[in-house]
N, C-alpha and C. Protein backbone atom coordinates (compact mmCIF):
# COMPACT_ATOMS: atom_id res chain seq x y z
N MET A 1 18.87 -20.64 -21.09
CA MET A 1 18.75 -19.27 -21.54
C MET A 1 17.45 -18.62 -21.02
N THR A 2 16.37 -19.40 -21.10
CA THR A 2 15.09 -18.87 -20.64
C THR A 2 15.12 -18.58 -19.15
N ARG A 3 15.77 -19.44 -18.40
CA ARG A 3 15.86 -19.25 -16.96
C ARG A 3 16.60 -17.95 -16.63
N THR A 4 17.65 -17.65 -17.36
CA THR A 4 18.43 -16.43 -17.14
C THR A 4 17.59 -15.20 -17.47
N VAL A 5 16.89 -15.25 -18.58
CA VAL A 5 16.06 -14.12 -18.99
C VAL A 5 14.96 -13.87 -17.96
N LEU A 6 14.31 -14.93 -17.49
CA LEU A 6 13.27 -14.77 -16.49
C LEU A 6 13.83 -14.26 -15.16
N ALA A 7 15.04 -14.67 -14.82
CA ALA A 7 15.66 -14.17 -13.60
C ALA A 7 15.93 -12.67 -13.70
N VAL A 8 16.43 -12.23 -14.86
CA VAL A 8 16.69 -10.81 -15.07
C VAL A 8 15.39 -10.02 -15.04
N VAL A 9 14.35 -10.54 -15.69
CA VAL A 9 13.05 -9.86 -15.68
C VAL A 9 12.50 -9.80 -14.25
N GLY A 10 12.66 -10.86 -13.48
CA GLY A 10 12.23 -10.86 -12.10
C GLY A 10 12.96 -9.83 -11.26
N ILE A 11 14.24 -9.68 -11.48
CA ILE A 11 15.03 -8.68 -10.75
C ILE A 11 14.53 -7.28 -11.09
N PHE A 12 14.30 -7.02 -12.37
CA PHE A 12 13.80 -5.70 -12.77
C PHE A 12 12.41 -5.43 -12.18
N LEU A 13 11.56 -6.44 -12.16
CA LEU A 13 10.23 -6.25 -11.57
C LEU A 13 10.33 -6.01 -10.06
N ALA A 14 11.24 -6.67 -9.38
CA ALA A 14 11.41 -6.46 -7.95
C ALA A 14 11.91 -5.05 -7.66
N ILE A 15 12.85 -4.58 -8.45
CA ILE A 15 13.37 -3.22 -8.29
C ILE A 15 12.26 -2.20 -8.56
N TRP A 16 11.47 -2.44 -9.61
CA TRP A 16 10.37 -1.54 -9.93
C TRP A 16 9.34 -1.51 -8.81
N LEU A 17 9.08 -2.66 -8.22
CA LEU A 17 8.12 -2.73 -7.12
C LEU A 17 8.61 -1.92 -5.92
N VAL A 18 9.88 -2.06 -5.58
CA VAL A 18 10.43 -1.33 -4.44
C VAL A 18 10.41 0.17 -4.71
N ILE A 19 10.86 0.58 -5.88
CA ILE A 19 10.93 2.01 -6.20
C ILE A 19 9.53 2.60 -6.40
N GLY A 20 8.64 1.84 -7.00
CA GLY A 20 7.33 2.37 -7.35
C GLY A 20 6.30 2.32 -6.24
N PHE A 21 6.40 1.35 -5.33
CA PHE A 21 5.35 1.18 -4.34
C PHE A 21 5.84 1.27 -2.90
N VAL A 22 6.90 0.59 -2.58
CA VAL A 22 7.32 0.49 -1.18
C VAL A 22 7.87 1.81 -0.66
N ILE A 23 8.77 2.43 -1.39
CA ILE A 23 9.38 3.68 -0.92
C ILE A 23 8.34 4.80 -0.80
N PRO A 24 7.46 5.02 -1.80
CA PRO A 24 6.43 6.05 -1.60
C PRO A 24 5.47 5.72 -0.46
N ALA A 25 5.17 4.46 -0.26
CA ALA A 25 4.28 4.09 0.85
C ALA A 25 4.94 4.41 2.19
N LEU A 26 6.23 4.15 2.31
CA LEU A 26 6.95 4.48 3.54
C LEU A 26 6.94 5.99 3.80
N PHE A 27 7.20 6.77 2.75
CA PHE A 27 7.21 8.22 2.92
C PHE A 27 5.82 8.74 3.27
N ALA A 28 4.78 8.18 2.67
CA ALA A 28 3.42 8.61 2.99
C ALA A 28 3.07 8.27 4.44
N THR A 29 3.49 7.10 4.89
CA THR A 29 3.23 6.71 6.28
C THR A 29 3.97 7.62 7.24
N LEU A 30 5.23 7.91 6.96
CA LEU A 30 6.00 8.79 7.84
C LEU A 30 5.42 10.20 7.86
N LYS A 31 4.96 10.69 6.70
CA LYS A 31 4.36 12.01 6.65
C LYS A 31 3.07 12.04 7.47
N PHE A 32 2.26 11.00 7.36
CA PHE A 32 1.02 10.92 8.14
C PHE A 32 1.32 10.91 9.63
N LEU A 33 2.30 10.10 10.05
CA LEU A 33 2.65 10.02 11.46
C LEU A 33 3.22 11.34 11.97
N LEU A 34 3.97 12.05 11.15
CA LEU A 34 4.50 13.35 11.54
C LEU A 34 3.37 14.35 11.76
N ILE A 35 2.38 14.34 10.89
CA ILE A 35 1.24 15.25 11.05
C ILE A 35 0.47 14.91 12.32
N VAL A 36 0.24 13.63 12.58
CA VAL A 36 -0.46 13.22 13.79
C VAL A 36 0.33 13.64 15.03
N ALA A 37 1.65 13.48 15.00
CA ALA A 37 2.48 13.87 16.14
C ALA A 37 2.44 15.38 16.37
N LEU A 38 2.44 16.16 15.31
CA LEU A 38 2.36 17.62 15.47
C LEU A 38 1.01 18.03 16.06
N ILE A 39 -0.06 17.41 15.60
CA ILE A 39 -1.38 17.72 16.15
C ILE A 39 -1.44 17.34 17.64
N ALA A 40 -0.88 16.19 17.97
CA ALA A 40 -0.86 15.75 19.36
C ALA A 40 -0.05 16.72 20.23
N ALA A 41 1.07 17.20 19.72
CA ALA A 41 1.89 18.15 20.48
C ALA A 41 1.14 19.46 20.72
N VAL A 42 0.41 19.92 19.73
CA VAL A 42 -0.37 21.15 19.89
C VAL A 42 -1.47 20.94 20.93
N VAL A 43 -2.15 19.79 20.88
CA VAL A 43 -3.21 19.51 21.85
C VAL A 43 -2.64 19.45 23.26
N VAL A 44 -1.50 18.77 23.44
CA VAL A 44 -0.87 18.71 24.76
C VAL A 44 -0.47 20.09 25.23
N GLY A 45 0.06 20.91 24.34
CA GLY A 45 0.44 22.27 24.71
C GLY A 45 -0.75 23.11 25.14
N VAL A 46 -1.85 23.01 24.40
CA VAL A 46 -3.04 23.77 24.75
C VAL A 46 -3.61 23.30 26.09
N ILE A 47 -3.65 22.00 26.29
CA ILE A 47 -4.16 21.47 27.57
C ILE A 47 -3.27 21.90 28.72
N THR A 48 -1.97 21.91 28.52
CA THR A 48 -1.04 22.35 29.56
C THR A 48 -1.25 23.83 29.89
N LEU A 49 -1.42 24.66 28.88
CA LEU A 49 -1.63 26.08 29.12
C LEU A 49 -2.96 26.35 29.82
N VAL A 50 -4.00 25.64 29.41
CA VAL A 50 -5.31 25.84 30.03
C VAL A 50 -5.31 25.31 31.45
N GLY A 51 -4.60 24.22 31.69
CA GLY A 51 -4.56 23.63 33.02
C GLY A 51 -3.81 24.45 34.04
N LYS A 52 -2.87 25.29 33.61
CA LYS A 52 -2.09 26.09 34.55
C LYS A 52 -2.82 27.34 34.98
N LYS A 53 -3.90 27.71 34.32
CA LYS A 53 -4.62 28.94 34.67
C LYS A 53 -5.59 28.73 35.80
C-alpha cells in the first residue's frame, strides 16, 4: 500500500515539476532567443543599408 501511495505522490510531483518549472523555462528561453534574433535582424538590416550607400 505504501509503495502505491508513494508512486502516486511521485507522479504528481513529476507533473508539478514539468508544469511549474520546465514549460515556463522553455517559453522564457524561446522568448529570449526571439528577442536576440530580432535585434540581430535589425543590426544586419542597418549594416546592409549603410553598406550600400
